């Protein structure tokens, strides 16, 4: 039987635990049962995923929600088709045993990334702390900011809890200090969303729906079998990190994937707050209607 090809572009240059639903879909046959042959494409950096979708170099993908809003602001033909996780699990982290609070940020060195999500979140953190950018020292992390944190080269690392906490726990056998989500002063909006090229949806919506349903089945299986899911990831991508790391990370993020309406389902409240916040901080020009950012058509 001939399988229909579909190109999935990831949000990072290499595999990690967030690719588990796609790998499970491939390895457990969920995509094959749907008549699909899913090929994973890794972009050179996190900023390229939306552009690859817009240029027709991929069909579906994974993006930070800020990238989706920025793409809409630039008129790129990219739209979110399903949430990856439901809430904002990004925040500030310190070495184990070191307290962290917004009132004590002044003068601290903070590791940040150059991605759109970090640029969008830090103004909220500073505003909640009553500080200006000049009151702290930003250090750009080229890869992981965990080594910078554990070596004492920065006071605070910024990351999502599913990436930073397992890394620190495995190396230190202790849990880092943390301010996550609203405790860090940031809005409770999803960090990632599955995305698609709008021309692809117009031409191949039936294929995209099959991909979405198979991905949901794979996510459910992976959430129910986290240890096996991490093993499958390591088998497919040995460079994705240790099985122990992927297992810990997946157990943190997977429970947050299913919302009140099930997996993937979106609503205006997932998107308009972040768009309004980005506008308020001068990062986009206009807040567009919510249907410019997302669609639930693949879930119907």
C-alpha atoms as a PDB file:
ATOM      1  CA  UNK A   1       0.000   0.000   0.000  1.00  0.00           C
ATOM      2  CA  UNK A   2       1.303   3.457  -0.900  1.00  0.00           C
ATOM      3  CA  UNK A   3       1.617   5.833   2.041  1.00  0.00           C
ATOM      4  CA  UNK A   4       1.014   9.571   1.642  1.00  0.00           C
ATOM      5  CA  UNK A   5       4.127  11.569   2.567  1.00  0.00           C
ATOM      6  CA  UNK A   6       3.866  14.472   5.001  1.00  0.00           C
ATOM      7  CA  UNK A   7       6.790  16.651   6.093  1.00  0.00           C
ATOM      8  CA  UNK A   8       6.997  17.639   9.766  1.00  0.00           C
ATOM      9  CA  UNK A   9       9.469  20.396  10.662  1.00  0.00           C
ATOM     10  CA  UNK A  10      10.594  20.491  14.284  1.00  0.00           C
ATOM     11  CA  UNK A  11      11.224  23.638  16.339  1.00  0.00           C
ATOM     12  CA  UNK A  12      14.853  22.828  17.078  1.00  0.00           C
ATOM     13  CA  UNK A  13      17.937  21.692  15.190  1.00  0.00           C
ATOM     14  CA  UNK A  14      18.033  18.298  16.938  1.00  0.00           C
ATOM     15  CA  UNK A  15      15.720  15.783  18.564  1.00  0.00           C
ATOM     16  CA  UNK A  16      14.693  15.958  22.218  1.00  0.00           C
ATOM     17  CA  UNK A  17      11.855  14.623  24.375  1.00  0.00           C
ATOM     18  CA  UNK A  18       9.234  16.933  22.848  1.00  0.00           C
ATOM     19  CA  UNK A  19       9.527  14.925  19.638  1.00  0.00           C
ATOM     20  CA  UNK A  20       8.219  11.833  21.452  1.00  0.00           C
ATOM     21  CA  UNK A  21       4.632  12.004  20.065  1.00  0.00           C
ATOM     22  CA  UNK A  22       5.935  12.079  16.492  1.00  0.00           C
ATOM     23  CA  UNK A  23       8.433   9.268  17.092  1.00  0.00           C
ATOM     24  CA  UNK A  24       5.784   7.136  18.793  1.00  0.00           C
ATOM     25  CA  UNK A  25       3.468   7.788  15.861  1.00  0.00           C
ATOM     26  CA  UNK A  26       6.164   6.499  13.530  1.00  0.00           C
ATOM     27  CA  UNK A  27       7.469   3.585  15.589  1.00  0.00           C
ATOM     28  CA  UNK A  28       4.135   2.258  16.904  1.00  0.00           C
ATOM     29  CA  UNK A  29       2.490   2.479  13.472  1.00  0.00           C
ATOM     30  CA  UNK A  30      -0.123   5.152  14.215  1.00  0.00           C
ATOM     31  CA  UNK A  31       0.851   7.110  11.113  1.00  0.00           C
ATOM     32  CA  UNK A  32       1.083   4.032   8.946  1.00  0.00           C
ATOM     33  CA  UNK A  33      -2.408   2.973  10.057  1.00  0.00           C
ATOM     34  CA  UNK A  34      -3.608   6.409   8.927  1.00  0.00           C
ATOM     35  CA  UNK A  35      -1.953   5.889   5.536  1.00  0.00           C
ATOM     36  CA  UNK A  36       0.841   8.380   6.218  1.00  0.00           C
ATOM     37  CA  UNK A  37       4.619   8.415   5.924  1.00  0.00           C
ATOM     38  CA  UNK A  38       5.796  11.207   8.243  1.00  0.00           C
ATOM     39  CA  UNK A  39       9.274  12.581   7.620  1.00  0.00           C
ATOM     40  CA  UNK A  40      10.880  14.711  10.345  1.00  0.00           C
ATOM     41  CA  UNK A  41      12.892  17.750   9.235  1.00  0.00           C
ATOM     42  CA  UNK A  42      15.224  19.595  11.595  1.00  0.00           C
ATOM     43  CA  UNK A  43      15.685  23.326  10.865  1.00  0.00           C
ATOM     44  CA  UNK A  44      19.035  25.059  11.368  1.00  0.00           C
ATOM     45  CA  UNK A  45      17.569  27.047  14.277  1.00  0.00           C
ATOM     46  CA  UNK A  46      14.287  27.757  16.055  1.00  0.00           C
ATOM     47  CA  UNK A  47      13.634  30.871  13.981  1.00  0.00           C
ATOM     48  CA  UNK A  48      13.460  28.946  10.703  1.00  0.00           C
ATOM     49  CA  UNK A  49      10.512  26.608  11.341  1.00  0.00           C
ATOM     50  CA  UNK A  50       7.759  29.112  10.474  1.00  0.00           C
ATOM     51  CA  UNK A  51       9.640  30.287   7.408  1.00  0.00           C
ATOM     52  CA  UNK A  52      10.018  26.722   6.122  1.00  0.00           C
ATOM     53  CA  UNK A  53       6.269  26.247   6.472  1.00  0.00           C
ATOM     54  CA  UNK A  54       5.579  29.564   4.764  1.00  0.00           C
ATOM     55  CA  UNK A  55       7.904  28.688   1.872  1.00  0.00           C
ATOM     56  CA  UNK A  56       6.350  25.259   1.338  1.00  0.00           C
ATOM     57  CA  UNK A  57       9.475  23.427   2.504  1.00  0.00           C
ATOM     58  CA  UNK A  58       7.404  21.586   5.141  1.00  0.00           C
ATOM     59  CA  UNK A  59       3.713  20.825   5.671  1.00  0.00           C
ATOM     60  CA  UNK A  60       3.181  20.738   9.435  1.00  0.00           C
ATOM     61  CA  UNK A  61       5.447  21.600  12.341  1.00  0.00           C
ATOM     62  CA  UNK A  62       5.986  22.661  15.939  1.00  0.00           C
ATOM     63  CA  UNK A  63       6.443  26.317  16.897  1.00  0.00           C
ATOM     64  CA  UNK A  64       6.590  28.533  19.932  1.00  0.00           C
ATOM     65  CA  UNK A  65       3.251  30.337  20.163  1.00  0.00           C
ATOM     66  CA  UNK A  66       5.064  33.656  19.936  1.00  0.00           C
ATOM     67  CA  UNK A  67       6.431  32.583  16.544  1.00  0.00           C
ATOM     68  CA  UNK A  68       2.865  31.995  15.346  1.00  0.00           C
ATOM     69  CA  UNK A  69       1.819  35.500  16.440  1.00  0.00           C
ATOM     70  CA  UNK A  70       4.912  37.035  14.838  1.00  0.00           C
ATOM     71  CA  UNK A  71       4.244  35.083  11.623  1.00  0.00           C
ATOM     72  CA  UNK A  72       0.677  36.405  11.484  1.00  0.00           C
ATOM     73  CA  UNK A  73       1.956  39.930  12.119  1.00  0.00           C
ATOM     74  CA  UNK A  74       4.284  39.535   9.126  1.00  0.00           C
ATOM     75  CA  UNK A  75       1.554  38.063   6.940  1.00  0.00           C
ATOM     76  CA  UNK A  76       3.174  34.638   6.659  1.00  0.00           C
ATOM     77  CA  UNK A  77       0.819  31.759   5.715  1.00  0.00           C
ATOM     78  CA  UNK A  78       1.281  29.820   8.967  1.00  0.00           C
ATOM     79  CA  UNK A  79      -1.399  28.919  11.507  1.00  0.00           C
ATOM     80  CA  UNK A  80      -1.637  26.869  14.709  1.00  0.00           C
ATOM     81  CA  UNK A  81      -3.659  23.688  14.342  1.00  0.00           C
ATOM     82  CA  UNK A  82      -3.380  22.316  17.879  1.00  0.00           C
ATOM     83  CA  UNK A  83      -1.802  23.098  21.251  1.00  0.00           C
ATOM     84  CA  UNK A  84       1.210  21.087  22.318  1.00  0.00           C
ATOM     85  CA  UNK A  85       0.812  21.754  26.061  1.00  0.00           C
ATOM     86  CA  UNK A  86      -1.896  23.803  27.729  1.00  0.00           C
ATOM     87  CA  UNK A  87      -0.072  26.216  30.043  1.00  0.00           C
ATOM     88  CA  UNK A  88       2.995  28.408  30.422  1.00  0.00           C
ATOM     89  CA  UNK A  89       5.702  26.343  32.122  1.00  0.00           C
ATOM     90  CA  UNK A  90       8.521  28.825  31.404  1.00  0.00           C
ATOM     91  CA  UNK A  91      10.273  30.569  34.236  1.00  0.00           C
ATOM     92  CA  UNK A  92      13.377  31.447  36.247  1.00  0.00           C
ATOM     93  CA  UNK A  93      15.619  28.835  37.863  1.00  0.00           C
ATOM     94  CA  UNK A  94      18.483  28.898  40.356  1.00  0.00           C
ATOM     95  CA  UNK A  95      20.955  26.331  41.624  1.00  0.00           C
ATOM     96  CA  UNK A  96      19.585  23.837  44.181  1.00  0.00           C
ATOM     97  CA  UNK A  97      19.298  25.451  47.596  1.00  0.00           C
ATOM     98  CA  UNK A  98      19.470  29.004  46.213  1.00  0.00           C
ATOM     99  CA  UNK A  99      16.211  30.973  46.640  1.00  0.00           C
ATOM    100  CA  UNK A 100      14.740  32.985  43.789  1.00  0.00           C
ATOM    101  CA  UNK A 101      12.143  35.753  43.937  1.00  0.00           C
ATOM    102  CA  UNK A 102      11.126  38.701  41.781  1.00  0.00           C
ATOM    103  CA  UNK A 103      11.998  41.189  44.513  1.00  0.00           C
ATOM    104  CA  UNK A 104      15.618  40.023  44.523  1.00  0.00           C
ATOM    105  CA  UNK A 105      16.352  40.141  40.777  1.00  0.00           C
ATOM    106  CA  UNK A 106      18.150  43.488  40.748  1.00  0.00           C
ATOM    107  CA  UNK A 107      21.832  43.084  39.939  1.00  0.00           C
ATOM    108  CA  UNK A 108      21.481  39.414  39.035  1.00  0.00           C
ATOM    109  CA  UNK A 109      22.989  37.837  35.938  1.00  0.00           C
ATOM    110  CA  UNK A 110      20.326  36.005  33.909  1.00  0.00           C
ATOM    111  CA  UNK A 111      20.949  33.507  31.118  1.00  0.00           C
ATOM    112  CA  UNK A 112      18.581  34.002  28.188  1.00  0.00           C
ATOM    113  CA  UNK A 113      18.203  32.657  24.668  1.00  0.00           C
ATOM    114  CA  UNK A 114      17.807  34.657  21.463  1.00  0.00           C
ATOM    115  CA  UNK A 115      14.521  32.971  20.492  1.00  0.00           C
ATOM    116  CA  UNK A 116      11.244  34.882  20.221  1.00  0.00           C
ATOM    117  CA  UNK A 117       9.801  33.293  23.355  1.00  0.00           C
ATOM    118  CA  UNK A 118      12.592  34.583  25.591  1.00  0.00           C
ATOM    119  CA  UNK A 119      12.336  38.037  24.034  1.00  0.00           C
ATOM    120  CA  UNK A 120       8.594  38.029  24.667  1.00  0.00           C
ATOM    121  CA  UNK A 121       8.714  36.800  28.272  1.00  0.00           C
ATOM    122  CA  UNK A 122      11.527  38.870  29.775  1.00  0.00           C
ATOM    123  CA  UNK A 123       9.658  42.226  29.596  1.00  0.00           C
ATOM    124  CA  UNK A 124       6.907  40.676  31.731  1.00  0.00           C
ATOM    125  CA  UNK A 125       9.422  39.432  34.279  1.00  0.00           C
ATOM    126  CA  UNK A 126      11.084  42.839  34.545  1.00  0.00           C
ATOM    127  CA  UNK A 127       7.751  44.634  34.784  1.00  0.00           C
ATOM    128  CA  UNK A 128       6.568  42.301  37.559  1.00  0.00           C
ATOM    129  CA  UNK A 129       9.847  42.897  39.393  1.00  0.00           C
ATOM    130  CA  UNK A 130       9.623  46.680  38.904  1.00  0.00           C
ATOM    131  CA  UNK A 131      12.954  46.747  37.070  1.00  0.00           C
ATOM    132  CA  UNK A 132      14.479  48.073  33.871  1.00  0.00           C
ATOM    133  CA  UNK A 133      16.667  45.999  31.575  1.00  0.00           C
ATOM    134  CA  UNK A 134      19.707  47.909  32.852  1.00  0.00           C
ATOM    135  CA  UNK A 135      18.999  46.633  36.381  1.00  0.00           C
ATOM    136  CA  UNK A 136      20.018  43.068  35.456  1.00  0.00           C
ATOM    137  CA  UNK A 137      22.770  41.528  33.348  1.00  0.00           C
ATOM    138  CA  UNK A 138      21.686  39.320  30.480  1.00  0.00           C
ATOM    139  CA  UNK A 139      24.018  36.520  29.376  1.00  0.00           C
ATOM    140  CA  UNK A 140      23.231  34.871  26.017  1.00  0.00           C
ATOM    141  CA  UNK A 141      23.167  31.070  26.197  1.00  0.00           C
ATOM    142  CA  UNK A 142      24.359  29.554  22.933  1.00  0.00           C
ATOM    143  CA  UNK A 143      23.093  26.043  23.691  1.00  0.00           C
ATOM    144  CA  UNK A 144      21.879  24.882  27.107  1.00  0.00           C
ATOM    145  CA  UNK A 145      21.994  27.392  29.929  1.00  0.00           C
ATOM    146  CA  UNK A 146      22.230  24.662  32.574  1.00  0.00           C
ATOM    147  CA  UNK A 147      26.073  24.478  32.491  1.00  0.00           C
ATOM    148  CA  UNK A 148      26.228  28.245  32.966  1.00  0.00           C
ATOM    149  CA  UNK A 149      23.922  27.991  35.966  1.00  0.00           C
ATOM    150  CA  UNK A 150      25.604  25.035  37.651  1.00  0.00           C
ATOM    151  CA  UNK A 151      29.080  26.506  37.110  1.00  0.00           C
ATOM    152  CA  UNK A 152      27.978  29.720  38.833  1.00  0.00           C
ATOM    153  CA  UNK A 153      28.557  31.821  35.702  1.00  0.00           C
ATOM    154  CA  UNK A 154      24.992  33.143  35.975  1.00  0.00           C
ATOM    155  CA  UNK A 155      22.711  33.609  38.956  1.00  0.00           C
ATOM    156  CA  UNK A 156      19.530  32.625  37.122  1.00  0.00           C
ATOM    157  CA  UNK A 157      18.675  30.502  34.101  1.00  0.00           C
ATOM    158  CA  UNK A 158      15.539  30.931  32.001  1.00  0.00           C
ATOM    159  CA  UNK A 159      13.889  27.873  30.531  1.00  0.00           C
ATOM    160  CA  UNK A 160      10.807  25.685  30.685  1.00  0.00           C
ATOM    161  CA  UNK A 161      10.570  23.248  33.578  1.00  0.00           C
ATOM    162  CA  UNK A 162      10.502  20.164  31.347  1.00  0.00           C
ATOM    163  CA  UNK A 163      13.921  21.057  29.945  1.00  0.00           C
ATOM    164  CA  UNK A 164      15.785  22.494  32.912  1.00  0.00           C
ATOM    165  CA  UNK A 165      14.598  20.521  35.931  1.00  0.00           C
ATOM    166  CA  UNK A 166      15.493  17.012  34.656  1.00  0.00           C
ATOM    167  CA  UNK A 167      18.923  18.219  33.544  1.00  0.00           C
ATOM    168  CA  UNK A 168      19.711  19.694  36.963  1.00  0.00           C
ATOM    169  CA  UNK A 169      18.225  16.774  38.909  1.00  0.00           C
ATOM    170  CA  UNK A 170      20.259  14.200  37.015  1.00  0.00           C
ATOM    171  CA  UNK A 171      23.530  16.068  37.511  1.00  0.00           C
ATOM    172  CA  UNK A 172      22.963  17.320  41.072  1.00  0.00           C
ATOM    173  CA  UNK A 173      20.436  14.839  42.475  1.00  0.00           C
ATOM    174  CA  UNK A 174      18.607  17.923  43.778  1.00  0.00           C
ATOM    175  CA  UNK A 175      15.802  20.118  42.456  1.00  0.00           C
ATOM    176  CA  UNK A 176      16.605  23.693  41.413  1.00  0.00           C
ATOM    177  CA  UNK A 177      14.887  26.775  42.810  1.00  0.00           C
ATOM    178  CA  UNK A 178      12.153  27.972  40.479  1.00  0.00           C
ATOM    179  CA  UNK A 179       9.591  30.638  39.628  1.00  0.00           C
ATOM    180  CA  UNK A 180       7.382  29.290  36.840  1.00  0.00           C
ATOM    181  CA  UNK A 181       4.472  30.816  34.930  1.00  0.00           C
ATOM    182  CA  UNK A 182       2.449  33.384  36.858  1.00  0.00           C
ATOM    183  CA  UNK A 183       4.952  33.246  39.745  1.00  0.00           C
ATOM    184  CA  UNK A 184       7.514  34.657  37.306  1.00  0.00           C
ATOM    185  CA  UNK A 185       5.101  37.397  36.240  1.00  0.00           C
ATOM    186  CA  UNK A 186       4.379  35.981  32.778  1.00  0.00           C
ATOM    187  CA  UNK A 187       0.930  35.317  31.234  1.00  0.00           C
ATOM    188  CA  UNK A 188      -0.538  31.822  31.358  1.00  0.00           C
ATOM    189  CA  UNK A 189      -0.408  31.071  27.648  1.00  0.00           C
ATOM    190  CA  UNK A 190       0.738  27.877  25.904  1.00  0.00           C
ATOM    191  CA  UNK A 191       4.420  27.798  25.021  1.00  0.00           C
ATOM    192  CA  UNK A 192       4.185  25.585  21.917  1.00  0.00           C
ATOM    193  CA  UNK A 193       1.651  24.704  19.236  1.00  0.00           C
ATOM    194  CA  UNK A 194       1.496  22.369  16.281  1.00  0.00           C
ATOM    195  CA  UNK A 195       1.381  24.466  13.135  1.00  0.00           C
ATOM    196  CA  UNK A 196       0.730  24.133   9.427  1.00  0.00           C
ATOM    197  CA  UNK A 197       1.113  25.963   6.168  1.00  0.00           C
ATOM    198  CA  UNK A 198      -2.275  27.456   5.292  1.00  0.00           C
ATOM    199  CA  UNK A 199      -1.888  26.624   1.557  1.00  0.00           C
ATOM    200  CA  UNK A 200      -1.185  23.026   2.587  1.00  0.00           C
ATOM    201  CA  UNK A 201      -4.361  22.947   4.696  1.00  0.00           C
ATOM    202  CA  UNK A 202      -6.391  24.319   1.798  1.00  0.00           C
ATOM    203  CA  UNK A 203      -5.059  21.714  -0.593  1.00  0.00           C
ATOM    204  CA  UNK A 204      -4.583  18.719   1.710  1.00  0.00           C
ATOM    205  CA  UNK A 205      -6.816  19.283   4.725  1.00  0.00           C
ATOM    206  CA  UNK A 206      -7.899  15.631   4.714  1.00  0.00           C
ATOM    207  CA  UNK A 207      -4.292  14.476   5.002  1.00  0.00           C
ATOM    208  CA  UNK A 208      -3.594  16.992   7.761  1.00  0.00           C
ATOM    209  CA  UNK A 209      -6.615  15.720   9.715  1.00  0.00           C
ATOM    210  CA  UNK A 210      -5.310  12.156   9.501  1.00  0.00           C
ATOM    211  CA  UNK A 211      -1.942  13.367  10.749  1.00  0.00           C
ATOM    212  CA  UNK A 212      -3.556  15.179  13.675  1.00  0.00           C
ATOM    213  CA  UNK A 213      -5.697  12.228  14.757  1.00  0.00           C
ATOM    214  CA  UNK A 214      -2.731   9.861  14.545  1.00  0.00           C
ATOM    215  CA  UNK A 215      -0.602  12.318  16.546  1.00  0.00           C
ATOM    216  CA  UNK A 216      -3.257  12.483  19.265  1.00  0.00           C
ATOM    217  CA  UNK A 217      -3.328   8.676  19.454  1.00  0.00           C
ATOM    218  CA  UNK A 218       0.461   8.630  19.679  1.00  0.00           C
ATOM    219  CA  UNK A 219       0.424  11.277  22.421  1.00  0.00           C
ATOM    220  CA  UNK A 220      -2.120   9.298  24.447  1.00  0.00           C
ATOM    221  CA  UNK A 221      -0.023   6.153  24.127  1.00  0.00           C
ATOM    222  CA  UNK A 222       3.175   7.990  25.077  1.00  0.00           C
ATOM    223  CA  UNK A 223       1.524   9.605  28.110  1.00  0.00           C
ATOM    224  CA  UNK A 224       0.347   6.176  29.279  1.00  0.00           C
ATOM    225  CA  UNK A 225       3.751   4.525  28.612  1.00  0.00           C
ATOM    226  CA  UNK A 226       6.364   7.224  29.390  1.00  0.00           C
ATOM    227  CA  UNK A 227       9.293   4.858  29.941  1.00  0.00           C
ATOM    228  CA  UNK A 228       8.654   2.962  26.716  1.00  0.00           C
ATOM    229  CA  UNK A 229       8.125   6.230  24.831  1.00  0.00           C
ATOM    230  CA  UNK A 230      11.522   7.555  25.977  1.00  0.00           C
ATOM    231  CA  UNK A 231      13.143   4.293  24.875  1.00  0.00           C
ATOM    232  CA  UNK A 232      11.605   4.675  21.414  1.00  0.00           C
ATOM    233  CA  UNK A 233      12.959   8.223  21.143  1.00  0.00           C
ATOM    234  CA  UNK A 234      16.470   7.095  22.093  1.00  0.00           C
ATOM    235  CA  UNK A 235      16.322   4.214  19.636  1.00  0.00           C
ATOM    236  CA  UNK A 236      15.295   6.531  16.790  1.00  0.00           C
ATOM    237  CA  UNK A 237      17.597   9.418  17.821  1.00  0.00           C
ATOM    238  CA  UNK A 238      20.528   8.249  19.980  1.00  0.00           C
ATOM    239  CA  UNK A 239      21.823  11.826  20.167  1.00  0.00           C
ATOM    240  CA  UNK A 240      18.586  13.090  21.754  1.00  0.00           C
ATOM    241  CA  UNK A 241      19.934  12.697  25.282  1.00  0.00           C
ATOM    242  CA  UNK A 242      19.841   9.857  27.772  1.00  0.00           C
ATOM    243  CA  UNK A 243      16.752   7.737  28.297  1.00  0.00           C
ATOM    244  CA  UNK A 244      16.697   8.891  31.932  1.00  0.00           C
ATOM    245  CA  UNK A 245      16.680  12.546  30.868  1.00  0.00           C
ATOM    246  CA  UNK A 246      13.935  12.056  28.282  1.00  0.00           C
ATOM    247  CA  UNK A 247      11.827  10.024  30.692  1.00  0.00           C
ATOM    248  CA  UNK A 248      11.982  12.666  33.432  1.00  0.00           C
ATOM    249  CA  UNK A 249      11.263  15.462  30.970  1.00  0.00           C
ATOM    250  CA  UNK A 250       8.368  13.664  29.285  1.00  0.00           C
ATOM    251  CA  UNK A 251       6.781  12.880  32.659  1.00  0.00           C
ATOM    252  CA  UNK A 252       6.807  16.614  33.435  1.00  0.00           C
ATOM    253  CA  UNK A 253       5.302  17.869  30.170  1.00  0.00           C
ATOM    254  CA  UNK A 254       2.938  15.075  29.089  1.00  0.00           C
ATOM    255  CA  UNK A 255       0.326  15.529  31.874  1.00  0.00           C
ATOM    256  CA  UNK A 256      -0.124  19.150  30.718  1.00  0.00           C
ATOM    257  CA  UNK A 257      -1.033  18.142  27.164  1.00  0.00           C
ATOM    258  CA  UNK A 258      -4.636  17.176  27.793  1.00  0.00           C
ATOM    259  CA  UNK A 259      -6.958  20.085  28.562  1.00  0.00           C
ATOM    260  CA  UNK A 260     -10.638  20.280  29.536  1.00  0.00           C
ATOM    261  CA  UNK A 261     -11.624  19.748  25.894  1.00  0.00           C
ATOM    262  CA  UNK A 262      -9.054  17.043  25.258  1.00  0.00           C
ATOM    263  CA  UNK A 263      -5.777  17.128  23.382  1.00  0.00           C
ATOM    264  CA  UNK A 264      -4.825  19.965  21.034  1.00  0.00           C
ATOM    265  CA  UNK A 265      -8.087  21.966  21.268  1.00  0.00           C
ATOM    266  CA  UNK A 266      -7.585  25.748  21.238  1.00  0.00           C
ATOM    267  CA  UNK A 267      -9.639  28.826  22.068  1.00  0.00           C
ATOM    268  CA  UNK A 268      -9.287  32.605  21.860  1.00  0.00           C
ATOM    269  CA  UNK A 269      -7.974  32.806  25.422  1.00  0.00           C
ATOM    270  CA  UNK A 270      -4.922  30.792  24.404  1.00  0.00           C
ATOM    271  CA  UNK A 271      -3.948  33.384  21.807  1.00  0.00           C
ATOM    272  CA  UNK A 272      -5.351  36.880  22.365  1.00  0.00           C
ATOM    273  CA  UNK A 273      -3.581  37.488  25.709  1.00  0.00           C
ATOM    274  CA  UNK A 274      -0.143  36.769  24.250  1.00  0.00           C
ATOM    275  CA  UNK A 275      -0.892  38.848  21.139  1.00  0.00           C
ATOM    276  CA  UNK A 276      -2.064  41.775  23.284  1.00  0.00           C
ATOM    277  CA  UNK A 277       0.984  41.416  25.498  1.00  0.00           C
ATOM    278  CA  UNK A 278       3.339  41.412  22.528  1.00  0.00           C
ATOM    279  CA  UNK A 279       1.647  44.522  21.217  1.00  0.00           C
ATOM    280  CA  UNK A 280       1.892  46.231  24.607  1.00  0.00           C
ATOM    281  CA  UNK A 281       5.637  45.588  24.691  1.00  0.00           C
ATOM    282  CA  UNK A 282       6.033  46.914  21.134  1.00  0.00           C
ATOM    283  CA  UNK A 283       6.948  43.592  19.560  1.00  0.00           C
ATOM    284  CA  UNK A 284       4.055  43.455  17.081  1.00  0.00           C
ATOM    285  CA  UNK A 285       2.074  46.242  15.469  1.00  0.00           C
ATOM    286  CA  UNK A 286      -1.503  44.981  15.667  1.00  0.00           C
ATOM    287  CA  UNK A 287      -3.551  42.365  17.473  1.00  0.00           C
ATOM    288  CA  UNK A 288      -5.339  40.381  14.791  1.00  0.00           C
ATOM    289  CA  UNK A 289      -8.595  38.426  15.124  1.00  0.00           C
ATOM    290  CA  UNK A 290      -7.951  35.142  16.921  1.00  0.00           C
ATOM    291  CA  UNK A 291      -8.744  33.076  13.830  1.00  0.00           C
ATOM    292  CA  UNK A 292      -5.605  34.507  12.217  1.00  0.00           C
ATOM    293  CA  UNK A 293      -3.541  32.683  14.837  1.00  0.00           C
ATOM    294  CA  UNK A 294      -5.286  29.328  15.164  1.00  0.00           C
ATOM    295  CA  UNK A 295      -7.844  26.924  13.783  1.00  0.00           C
ATOM    296  CA  UNK A 296      -9.496  23.821  15.217  1.00  0.00           C
ATOM    297  CA  UNK A 297     -10.509  22.520  11.789  1.00  0.00           C
ATOM    298  CA  UNK A 298      -8.238  19.474  12.074  1.00  0.00           C
ATOM    299  CA  UNK A 299      -9.960  18.465  15.313  1.00  0.00           C
ATOM    300  CA  UNK A 300     -13.502  18.557  13.971  1.00  0.00           C
END
